[in-house]
Full PDB file with SEQRES, HELIX, SHEET, SSBOND, CRYST1, ORIGX, SCALE, CONECT and MASTER records, all heavy atoms in Angstrom:
SEQRES   1 A   38  ALA GLU LEU ALA PRO GLY VAL ASP VAL GLY PRO TYR ALA          
SEQRES   2 A   38  ILE ILE GLY PRO GLY VAL SER ILE GLY ALA ASN SER ARG          
SEQRES   3 A   38  VAL GLY PRO ARG VAL LEU ILE GLU ARG ASP THR THR              
SHEET    1 AA1 2 GLU A   2  LEU A   3  0                                        
SHEET    2 AA1 2 SER A  20  ILE A  21  1                                        
SHEET    1 AA2 2 ASP A   8  VAL A   9  0                                        
SHEET    2 AA2 2 ARG A  26  VAL A  27  1                                        
SHEET    1 AA3 2 ILE A  14  ILE A  15  0                                        
SHEET    2 AA3 2 LEU A  32  ILE A  33  1                                        
CRYST1    1.000    1.000    1.000  90.00  90.00  90.00 P 1           1          
ORIGX1      1.000000  0.000000  0.000000        0.00000                         
ORIGX2      0.000000  1.000000  0.000000        0.00000                         
ORIGX3      0.000000  0.000000  1.000000        0.00000                         
SCALE1      1.000000  0.000000  0.000000        0.00000                         
SCALE2      0.000000  1.000000  0.000000        0.00000                         
SCALE3      0.000000  0.000000  1.000000        0.00000                         
ATOM      1  N   ALA A   1       0.847  -1.196   0.000  1.00  0.00           N  
ATOM      2  CA  ALA A   1       0.000   0.000   0.000  1.00  0.00           C  
ATOM      3  C   ALA A   1       0.883   1.246   0.000  1.00  0.00           C  
ATOM      4  O   ALA A   1       2.015   1.238   0.488  1.00  0.00           O  
ATOM      5  CB  ALA A   1      -0.912   0.004   1.215  1.00  0.00           C  
ATOM      6  N   GLU A   2       0.335   2.347  -0.535  1.00  0.00           N  
ATOM      7  CA  GLU A   2       1.053   3.611  -0.592  1.00  0.00           C  
ATOM      8  C   GLU A   2       0.255   4.678   0.143  1.00  0.00           C  
ATOM      9  O   GLU A   2      -0.894   4.952  -0.200  1.00  0.00           O  
ATOM     10  CB  GLU A   2       1.284   4.045  -2.047  1.00  0.00           C  
ATOM     11  CG  GLU A   2       2.137   3.070  -2.845  1.00  0.00           C  
ATOM     12  CD  GLU A   2       2.349   3.531  -4.274  1.00  0.00           C  
ATOM     13  OE1 GLU A   2       1.819   4.614  -4.629  1.00  0.00           O  
ATOM     14  OE2 GLU A   2       3.040   2.823  -5.023  1.00  0.00           O  
ATOM     15  N   LEU A   3       0.898   5.289   1.146  1.00  0.00           N  
ATOM     16  CA  LEU A   3       0.259   6.344   1.936  1.00  0.00           C  
ATOM     17  C   LEU A   3       1.015   7.650   1.712  1.00  0.00           C  
ATOM     18  O   LEU A   3       2.208   7.738   1.999  1.00  0.00           O  
ATOM     19  CB  LEU A   3       0.270   5.990   3.422  1.00  0.00           C  
ATOM     20  CG  LEU A   3      -0.271   4.608   3.825  1.00  0.00           C  
ATOM     21  CD1 LEU A   3      -0.270   4.469   5.342  1.00  0.00           C  
ATOM     22  CD2 LEU A   3      -1.652   4.367   3.255  1.00  0.00           C  
ATOM     23  N   ALA A   4       0.307   8.651   1.208  1.00  0.00           N  
ATOM     24  CA  ALA A   4       0.941   9.947   0.932  1.00  0.00           C  
ATOM     25  C   ALA A   4       1.128  10.741   2.225  1.00  0.00           C  
ATOM     26  O   ALA A   4       0.530  10.415   3.260  1.00  0.00           O  
ATOM     27  CB  ALA A   4       0.094  10.723  -0.065  1.00  0.00           C  
ATOM     28  N   PRO A   5       1.948  11.786   2.199  1.00  0.00           N  
ATOM     29  CA  PRO A   5       2.141  12.619   3.397  1.00  0.00           C  
ATOM     30  C   PRO A   5       0.819  13.145   3.938  1.00  0.00           C  
ATOM     31  O   PRO A   5      -0.073  13.536   3.196  1.00  0.00           O  
ATOM     32  CB  PRO A   5       3.025  13.756   2.885  1.00  0.00           C  
ATOM     33  CG  PRO A   5       3.787  13.154   1.753  1.00  0.00           C  
ATOM     34  CD  PRO A   5       2.829  12.207   1.093  1.00  0.00           C  
ATOM     35  N   GLY A   6       0.722  13.140   5.272  1.00  0.00           N  
ATOM     36  CA  GLY A   6      -0.455  13.652   5.940  1.00  0.00           C  
ATOM     37  C   GLY A   6      -1.578  12.655   6.127  1.00  0.00           C  
ATOM     38  O   GLY A   6      -2.597  12.978   6.738  1.00  0.00           O  
ATOM     39  N   VAL A   7      -1.416  11.431   5.634  1.00  0.00           N  
ATOM     40  CA  VAL A   7      -2.454  10.412   5.819  1.00  0.00           C  
ATOM     41  C   VAL A   7      -2.504   9.984   7.278  1.00  0.00           C  
ATOM     42  O   VAL A   7      -1.469   9.810   7.929  1.00  0.00           O  
ATOM     43  CB  VAL A   7      -2.202   9.192   4.899  1.00  0.00           C  
ATOM     44  CG1 VAL A   7      -3.091   8.020   5.283  1.00  0.00           C  
ATOM     45  CG2 VAL A   7      -2.427   9.584   3.446  1.00  0.00           C  
ATOM     46  N   ASP A   8      -3.715   9.798   7.786  1.00  0.00           N  
ATOM     47  CA  ASP A   8      -3.941   9.368   9.167  1.00  0.00           C  
ATOM     48  C   ASP A   8      -4.803   8.108   9.132  1.00  0.00           C  
ATOM     49  O   ASP A   8      -5.933   8.142   8.631  1.00  0.00           O  
ATOM     50  CB  ASP A   8      -4.644  10.483   9.936  1.00  0.00           C  
ATOM     51  CG  ASP A   8      -4.818  10.167  11.424  1.00  0.00           C  
ATOM     52  OD1 ASP A   8      -4.501   9.034  11.829  1.00  0.00           O  
ATOM     53  OD2 ASP A   8      -5.289  11.055  12.156  1.00  0.00           O  
ATOM     54  N   VAL A   9      -4.283   6.999   9.646  1.00  0.00           N  
ATOM     55  CA  VAL A   9      -4.994   5.721   9.659  1.00  0.00           C  
ATOM     56  C   VAL A   9      -5.347   5.381  11.096  1.00  0.00           C  
ATOM     57  O   VAL A   9      -4.479   5.276  11.968  1.00  0.00           O  
ATOM     58  CB  VAL A   9      -4.133   4.598   9.036  1.00  0.00           C  
ATOM     59  CG1 VAL A   9      -4.884   3.265   9.070  1.00  0.00           C  
ATOM     60  CG2 VAL A   9      -3.752   4.950   7.599  1.00  0.00           C  
ATOM     61  N   GLY A  10      -6.645   5.196  11.375  1.00  0.00           N  
ATOM     62  CA  GLY A  10      -7.128   5.026  12.728  1.00  0.00           C  
ATOM     63  C   GLY A  10      -7.027   3.612  13.261  1.00  0.00           C  
ATOM     64  O   GLY A  10      -6.586   2.679  12.566  1.00  0.00           O  
ATOM     65  N   PRO A  11      -7.475   3.412  14.498  1.00  0.00           N  
ATOM     66  CA  PRO A  11      -7.367   2.111  15.169  1.00  0.00           C  
ATOM     67  C   PRO A  11      -8.089   0.997  14.411  1.00  0.00           C  
ATOM     68  O   PRO A  11      -9.197   1.190  13.907  1.00  0.00           O  
ATOM     69  CB  PRO A  11      -8.028   2.352  16.535  1.00  0.00           C  
ATOM     70  CG  PRO A  11      -7.994   3.818  16.727  1.00  0.00           C  
ATOM     71  CD  PRO A  11      -8.080   4.432  15.380  1.00  0.00           C  
ATOM     72  N   TYR A  12      -7.425  -0.145  14.318  1.00  0.00           N  
ATOM     73  CA  TYR A  12      -7.996  -1.387  13.776  1.00  0.00           C  
ATOM     74  C   TYR A  12      -8.381  -1.280  12.300  1.00  0.00           C  
ATOM     75  O   TYR A  12      -9.076  -2.164  11.786  1.00  0.00           O  
ATOM     76  CB  TYR A  12      -9.193  -1.848  14.608  1.00  0.00           C  
ATOM     77  CG  TYR A  12      -8.834  -2.099  16.054  1.00  0.00           C  
ATOM     78  CD1 TYR A  12      -9.150  -1.158  17.035  1.00  0.00           C  
ATOM     79  CD2 TYR A  12      -8.136  -3.243  16.428  1.00  0.00           C  
ATOM     80  CE1 TYR A  12      -8.792  -1.368  18.354  1.00  0.00           C  
ATOM     81  CE2 TYR A  12      -7.776  -3.460  17.752  1.00  0.00           C  
ATOM     82  CZ  TYR A  12      -8.109  -2.526  18.705  1.00  0.00           C  
ATOM     83  OH  TYR A  12      -7.741  -2.734  20.030  1.00  0.00           O  
ATOM     84  N   ALA A  13      -7.948  -0.239  11.634  1.00  0.00           N  
ATOM     85  CA  ALA A  13      -8.173  -0.167  10.191  1.00  0.00           C  
ATOM     86  C   ALA A  13      -7.285  -1.186   9.485  1.00  0.00           C  
ATOM     87  O   ALA A  13      -6.201  -1.541   9.974  1.00  0.00           O  
ATOM     88  CB  ALA A  13      -7.880   1.237   9.673  1.00  0.00           C  
ATOM     89  N   ILE A  14      -7.745  -1.656   8.321  1.00  0.00           N  
ATOM     90  CA  ILE A  14      -6.979  -2.607   7.517  1.00  0.00           C  
ATOM     91  C   ILE A  14      -6.856  -2.044   6.111  1.00  0.00           C  
ATOM     92  O   ILE A  14      -7.864  -1.775   5.451  1.00  0.00           O  
ATOM     93  CB  ILE A  14      -7.655  -3.992   7.475  1.00  0.00           C  
ATOM     94  CG1 ILE A  14      -7.785  -4.565   8.891  1.00  0.00           C  
ATOM     95  CG2 ILE A  14      -6.867  -4.940   6.577  1.00  0.00           C  
ATOM     96  CD1 ILE A  14      -8.543  -5.882   8.954  1.00  0.00           C  
ATOM     97  N   ILE A  15      -5.622  -1.867   5.653  1.00  0.00           N  
ATOM     98  CA  ILE A  15      -5.332  -1.332   4.327  1.00  0.00           C  
ATOM     99  C   ILE A  15      -4.621  -2.422   3.538  1.00  0.00           C  
ATOM    100  O   ILE A  15      -3.531  -2.845   3.903  1.00  0.00           O  
ATOM    101  CB  ILE A  15      -4.442  -0.070   4.397  1.00  0.00           C  
ATOM    102  CG1 ILE A  15      -4.982   0.931   5.421  1.00  0.00           C  
ATOM    103  CG2 ILE A  15      -4.291   0.547   3.014  1.00  0.00           C  
ATOM    104  CD1 ILE A  15      -6.329   1.484   5.095  1.00  0.00           C  
ATOM    105  N   GLY A  16      -5.236  -2.891   2.446  1.00  0.00           N  
ATOM    106  CA  GLY A  16      -4.724  -4.035   1.717  1.00  0.00           C  
ATOM    107  C   GLY A  16      -3.771  -3.682   0.598  1.00  0.00           C  
ATOM    108  O   GLY A  16      -3.409  -2.511   0.391  1.00  0.00           O  
ATOM    109  N   PRO A  17      -3.381  -4.680  -0.186  1.00  0.00           N  
ATOM    110  CA  PRO A  17      -2.416  -4.472  -1.274  1.00  0.00           C  
ATOM    111  C   PRO A  17      -3.019  -3.669  -2.420  1.00  0.00           C  
ATOM    112  O   PRO A  17      -4.217  -3.718  -2.689  1.00  0.00           O  
ATOM    113  CB  PRO A  17      -2.097  -5.905  -1.721  1.00  0.00           C  
ATOM    114  CG  PRO A  17      -3.317  -6.701  -1.350  1.00  0.00           C  
ATOM    115  CD  PRO A  17      -3.816  -6.086  -0.075  1.00  0.00           C  
ATOM    116  N   GLY A  18      -2.144  -2.915  -3.081  1.00  0.00           N  
ATOM    117  CA  GLY A  18      -2.592  -2.146  -4.226  1.00  0.00           C  
ATOM    118  C   GLY A  18      -3.429  -0.937  -3.877  1.00  0.00           C  
ATOM    119  O   GLY A  18      -4.070  -0.348  -4.752  1.00  0.00           O  
ATOM    120  N   VAL A  19      -3.422  -0.541  -2.610  1.00  0.00           N  
ATOM    121  CA  VAL A  19      -4.189   0.623  -2.171  1.00  0.00           C  
ATOM    122  C   VAL A  19      -3.279   1.847  -2.174  1.00  0.00           C  
ATOM    123  O   VAL A  19      -2.144   1.792  -1.696  1.00  0.00           O  
ATOM    124  CB  VAL A  19      -4.790   0.409  -0.774  1.00  0.00           C  
ATOM    125  CG1 VAL A  19      -5.432   1.693  -0.254  1.00  0.00           C  
ATOM    126  CG2 VAL A  19      -5.811  -0.722  -0.800  1.00  0.00           C  
ATOM    127  N   SER A  20      -3.785   2.952  -2.704  1.00  0.00           N  
ATOM    128  CA  SER A  20      -3.053   4.214  -2.696  1.00  0.00           C  
ATOM    129  C   SER A  20      -3.944   5.276  -2.076  1.00  0.00           C  
ATOM    130  O   SER A  20      -5.076   5.489  -2.529  1.00  0.00           O  
ATOM    131  CB  SER A  20      -2.664   4.616  -4.123  1.00  0.00           C  
ATOM    132  OG  SER A  20      -2.053   5.890  -4.139  1.00  0.00           O  
ATOM    133  N   ILE A  21      -3.454   5.944  -1.028  1.00  0.00           N  
ATOM    134  CA  ILE A  21      -4.243   6.952  -0.319  1.00  0.00           C  
ATOM    135  C   ILE A  21      -3.562   8.306  -0.460  1.00  0.00           C  
ATOM    136  O   ILE A  21      -2.388   8.460  -0.120  1.00  0.00           O  
ATOM    137  CB  ILE A  21      -4.412   6.568   1.163  1.00  0.00           C  
ATOM    138  CG1 ILE A  21      -5.080   5.192   1.274  1.00  0.00           C  
ATOM    139  CG2 ILE A  21      -5.226   7.615   1.900  1.00  0.00           C  
ATOM    140  CD1 ILE A  21      -5.257   4.702   2.686  1.00  0.00           C  
ATOM    141  N   GLY A  22      -4.323   9.291  -0.951  1.00  0.00           N  
ATOM    142  CA  GLY A  22      -3.770  10.598  -1.244  1.00  0.00           C  
ATOM    143  C   GLY A  22      -3.478  11.431  -0.005  1.00  0.00           C  
ATOM    144  O   GLY A  22      -3.942  11.144   1.103  1.00  0.00           O  
ATOM    145  N   ALA A  23      -2.750  12.488  -0.207  1.00  0.00           N  
ATOM    146  CA  ALA A  23      -2.264  13.336   0.881  1.00  0.00           C  
ATOM    147  C   ALA A  23      -3.408  13.859   1.742  1.00  0.00           C  
ATOM    148  O   ALA A  23      -4.477  14.232   1.250  1.00  0.00           O  
ATOM    149  CB  ALA A  23      -1.466  14.501   0.308  1.00  0.00           C  
ATOM    150  N   ASN A  24      -3.166  13.854   3.054  1.00  0.00           N  
ATOM    151  CA  ASN A  24      -4.052  14.457   4.058  1.00  0.00           C  
ATOM    152  C   ASN A  24      -5.414  13.771   4.172  1.00  0.00           C  
ATOM    153  O   ASN A  24      -6.352  14.355   4.718  1.00  0.00           O  
ATOM    154  CB  ASN A  24      -4.238  15.959   3.794  1.00  0.00           C  
ATOM    155  CG  ASN A  24      -2.921  16.699   3.775  1.00  0.00           C  
ATOM    156  OD1 ASN A  24      -2.079  16.508   4.639  1.00  0.00           O  
ATOM    157  ND2 ASN A  24      -2.725  17.524   2.762  1.00  0.00           N  
ATOM    158  N   SER A  25      -5.527  12.568   3.653  1.00  0.00           N  
ATOM    159  CA  SER A  25      -6.768  11.810   3.833  1.00  0.00           C  
ATOM    160  C   SER A  25      -6.766  11.130   5.191  1.00  0.00           C  
ATOM    161  O   SER A  25      -5.711  10.766   5.725  1.00  0.00           O  
ATOM    162  CB  SER A  25      -6.931  10.762   2.726  1.00  0.00           C  
ATOM    163  OG  SER A  25      -7.202  11.381   1.485  1.00  0.00           O  
ATOM    164  N   ARG A  26      -7.967  10.952   5.747  1.00  0.00           N  
ATOM    165  CA  ARG A  26      -8.103  10.310   7.048  1.00  0.00           C  
ATOM    166  C   ARG A  26      -8.940   9.048   6.905  1.00  0.00           C  
ATOM    167  O   ARG A  26     -10.055   9.069   6.376  1.00  0.00           O  
ATOM    168  CB  ARG A  26      -8.759  11.250   8.055  1.00  0.00           C  
ATOM    169  CG  ARG A  26      -7.914  12.451   8.427  1.00  0.00           C  
ATOM    170  CD  ARG A  26      -8.218  12.932   9.858  1.00  0.00           C  
ATOM    171  NE  ARG A  26      -9.631  13.221  10.046  1.00  0.00           N  
ATOM    172  CZ  ARG A  26     -10.173  14.434   9.970  1.00  0.00           C  
ATOM    173  NH1 ARG A  26      -9.414  15.473   9.666  1.00  0.00           N  
ATOM    174  NH2 ARG A  26     -11.462  14.621  10.195  1.00  0.00           N  
ATOM    175  N   VAL A  27      -8.385   7.953   7.408  1.00  0.00           N  
ATOM    176  CA  VAL A  27      -9.059   6.656   7.411  1.00  0.00           C  
ATOM    177  C   VAL A  27      -9.438   6.348   8.848  1.00  0.00           C  
ATOM    178  O   VAL A  27      -8.573   6.185   9.709  1.00  0.00           O  
ATOM    179  CB  VAL A  27      -8.144   5.559   6.829  1.00  0.00           C  
ATOM    180  CG1 VAL A  27      -8.830   4.206   6.893  1.00  0.00           C  
ATOM    181  CG2 VAL A  27      -7.751   5.905   5.391  1.00  0.00           C  
ATOM    182  N   GLY A  28     -10.721   6.286   9.124  1.00  0.00           N  
ATOM    183  CA  GLY A  28     -11.198   6.149  10.491  1.00  0.00           C  
ATOM    184  C   GLY A  28     -11.019   4.754  11.069  1.00  0.00           C  
ATOM    185  O   GLY A  28     -10.518   3.843  10.411  1.00  0.00           O  
ATOM    186  N   PRO A  29     -11.457   4.564  12.302  1.00  0.00           N  
ATOM    187  CA  PRO A  29     -11.309   3.271  12.967  1.00  0.00           C  
ATOM    188  C   PRO A  29     -12.129   2.181  12.285  1.00  0.00           C  
ATOM    189  O   PRO A  29     -13.220   2.434  11.773  1.00  0.00           O  
ATOM    190  CB  PRO A  29     -11.824   3.541  14.385  1.00  0.00           C  
ATOM    191  CG  PRO A  29     -12.685   4.748  14.264  1.00  0.00           C  
ATOM    192  CD  PRO A  29     -12.104   5.570  13.167  1.00  0.00           C  
ATOM    193  N   ARG A  30     -11.548   0.985  12.250  1.00  0.00           N  
ATOM    194  CA  ARG A  30     -12.219  -0.214  11.756  1.00  0.00           C  
ATOM    195  C   ARG A  30     -12.623  -0.127  10.287  1.00  0.00           C  
ATOM    196  O   ARG A  30     -13.499  -0.862   9.832  1.00  0.00           O  
ATOM    197  CB  ARG A  30     -13.438  -0.563  12.625  1.00  0.00           C  
ATOM    198  CG  ARG A  30     -13.062  -1.054  14.015  1.00  0.00           C  
ATOM    199  CD  ARG A  30     -14.264  -1.146  14.931  1.00  0.00           C  
ATOM    200  NE  ARG A  30     -14.739   0.178  15.293  1.00  0.00           N  
ATOM    201  CZ  ARG A  30     -14.234   0.901  16.300  1.00  0.00           C  
ATOM    202  NH1 ARG A  30     -13.257   0.404  17.039  1.00  0.00           N  
ATOM    203  NH2 ARG A  30     -14.707   2.105  16.577  1.00  0.00           N  
ATOM    204  N   VAL A  31     -12.006   0.753   9.551  1.00  0.00           N  
ATOM    205  CA  VAL A  31     -12.235   0.818   8.103  1.00  0.00           C  
ATOM    206  C   VAL A  31     -11.471  -0.315   7.428  1.00  0.00           C  
ATOM    207  O   VAL A  31     -10.337  -0.627   7.802  1.00  0.00           O  
ATOM    208  CB  VAL A  31     -11.772   2.178   7.535  1.00  0.00           C  
ATOM    209  CG1 VAL A  31     -11.720   2.151   6.005  1.00  0.00           C  
ATOM    210  CG2 VAL A  31     -12.690   3.286   8.016  1.00  0.00           C  
ATOM    211  N   LEU A  32     -12.109  -0.946   6.429  1.00  0.00           N  
ATOM    212  CA  LEU A  32     -11.437  -1.935   5.591  1.00  0.00           C  
ATOM    213  C   LEU A  32     -11.347  -1.386   4.176  1.00  0.00           C  
ATOM    214  O   LEU A  32     -12.366  -1.070   3.565  1.00  0.00           O  
ATOM    215  CB  LEU A  32     -12.204  -3.258   5.577  1.00  0.00           C  
ATOM    216  CG  LEU A  32     -11.762  -4.277   4.508  1.00  0.00           C  
ATOM    217  CD1 LEU A  32     -10.316  -4.710   4.721  1.00  0.00           C  
ATOM    218  CD2 LEU A  32     -12.706  -5.476   4.476  1.00  0.00           C  
ATOM    219  N   ILE A  33     -10.129  -1.258   3.663  1.00  0.00           N  
ATOM    220  CA  ILE A  33      -9.910  -0.977   2.246  1.00  0.00           C  
ATOM    221  C   ILE A  33      -9.183  -2.204   1.708  1.00  0.00           C  
ATOM    222  O   ILE A  33      -7.981  -2.373   1.900  1.00  0.00           O  
ATOM    223  CB  ILE A  33      -9.101   0.307   2.021  1.00  0.00           C  
ATOM    224  CG1 ILE A  33      -9.750   1.485   2.762  1.00  0.00           C  
ATOM    225  CG2 ILE A  33      -9.003   0.623   0.536  1.00  0.00           C  
ATOM    226  CD1 ILE A  33      -9.004   2.797   2.630  1.00  0.00           C  
ATOM    227  N   GLU A  34      -9.934  -3.079   1.048  1.00  0.00           N  
ATOM    228  CA  GLU A  34      -9.446  -4.440   0.808  1.00  0.00           C  
ATOM    229  C   GLU A  34      -8.269  -4.502  -0.151  1.00  0.00           C  
ATOM    230  O   GLU A  34      -7.246  -5.102   0.145  1.00  0.00           O  
ATOM    231  CB  GLU A  34     -10.589  -5.307   0.292  1.00  0.00           C  
ATOM    232  CG  GLU A  34     -10.204  -6.780   0.180  1.00  0.00           C  
ATOM    233  CD  GLU A  34     -11.387  -7.651  -0.132  1.00  0.00           C  
ATOM    234  OE1 GLU A  34     -11.760  -7.761  -1.317  1.00  0.00           O  
ATOM    235  OE2 GLU A  34     -11.956  -8.223   0.818  1.00  0.00           O  
ATOM    236  N   ARG A  35      -8.414  -3.897  -1.347  1.00  0.00           N  
ATOM    237  CA  ARG A  35      -7.335  -3.991  -2.331  1.00  0.00           C  
ATOM    238  C   ARG A  35      -7.619  -3.088  -3.524  1.00  0.00           C  
ATOM    239  O   ARG A  35      -8.746  -2.641  -3.745  1.00  0.00           O  
ATOM    240  CB  ARG A  35      -7.156  -5.435  -2.815  1.00  0.00           C  
ATOM    241  CG  ARG A  35      -8.340  -5.996  -3.578  1.00  0.00           C  
ATOM    242  CD  ARG A  35      -8.144  -7.444  -4.027  1.00  0.00           C  
ATOM    243  NE  ARG A  35      -6.912  -7.600  -4.784  1.00  0.00           N  
ATOM    244  CZ  ARG A  35      -5.853  -8.302  -4.329  1.00  0.00           C  
ATOM    245  NH1 ARG A  35      -5.898  -8.894  -3.143  1.00  0.00           N  
ATOM    246  NH2 ARG A  35      -4.760  -8.405  -5.067  1.00  0.00           N  
ATOM    247  N   ASP A  36      -6.562  -2.797  -4.285  1.00  0.00           N  
ATOM    248  CA  ASP A  36      -6.654  -2.164  -5.605  1.00  0.00           C  
ATOM    249  C   ASP A  36      -7.602  -0.959  -5.619  1.00  0.00           C  
ATOM    250  O   ASP A  36      -8.465  -0.824  -6.489  1.00  0.00           O  
ATOM    251  CB  ASP A  36      -7.081  -3.191  -6.656  1.00  0.00           C  
ATOM    252  CG  ASP A  36      -6.063  -4.322  -6.777  1.00  0.00           C  
ATOM    253  OD1 ASP A  36      -4.861  -4.029  -6.644  1.00  0.00           O  
ATOM    254  OD2 ASP A  36      -6.469  -5.483  -6.973  1.00  0.00           O  
ATOM    255  N   THR A  37      -7.395  -0.092  -4.643  1.00  0.00           N  
ATOM    256  CA  THR A  37      -8.250   1.085  -4.465  1.00  0.00           C  
ATOM    257  C   THR A  37      -7.377   2.334  -4.402  1.00  0.00           C  
ATOM    258  O   THR A  37      -6.340   2.345  -3.738  1.00  0.00           O  
ATOM    259  CB  THR A  37      -9.075   0.967  -3.177  1.00  0.00           C  
ATOM    260  OG1 THR A  37      -9.978  -0.121  -3.307  1.00  0.00           O  
ATOM    261  CG2 THR A  37      -9.852   2.243  -2.877  1.00  0.00           C  
ATOM    262  N   THR A  38      -7.816   3.383  -5.090  1.00  0.00           N  
ATOM    263  CA  THR A  38      -7.134   4.672  -5.043  1.00  0.00           C  
ATOM    264  C   THR A  38      -8.051   5.706  -4.415  1.00  0.00           C  
ATOM    265  O   THR A  38      -9.185   5.893  -4.877  1.00  0.00           O  
ATOM    266  CB  THR A  38      -6.741   5.129  -6.456  1.00  0.00           C  
ATOM    267  OG1 THR A  38      -5.855   4.169  -7.039  1.00  0.00           O  
ATOM    268  CG2 THR A  38      -6.051   6.486  -6.402  1.00  0.00           C  
TER     269      THR A  38                                                      
MASTER        0    0    0    0    6    0    0    6  268    1    0    3          
END                                                                             
């Protein structure tokens, strides 16, 4: 997975393969981003 500067990933979140998260995005608790997601 690729996390850009400023990304915040919360408790128990799961970020899978092929995931790209843009700058300053926030992923809350218990979020699942399974795969191949931008």
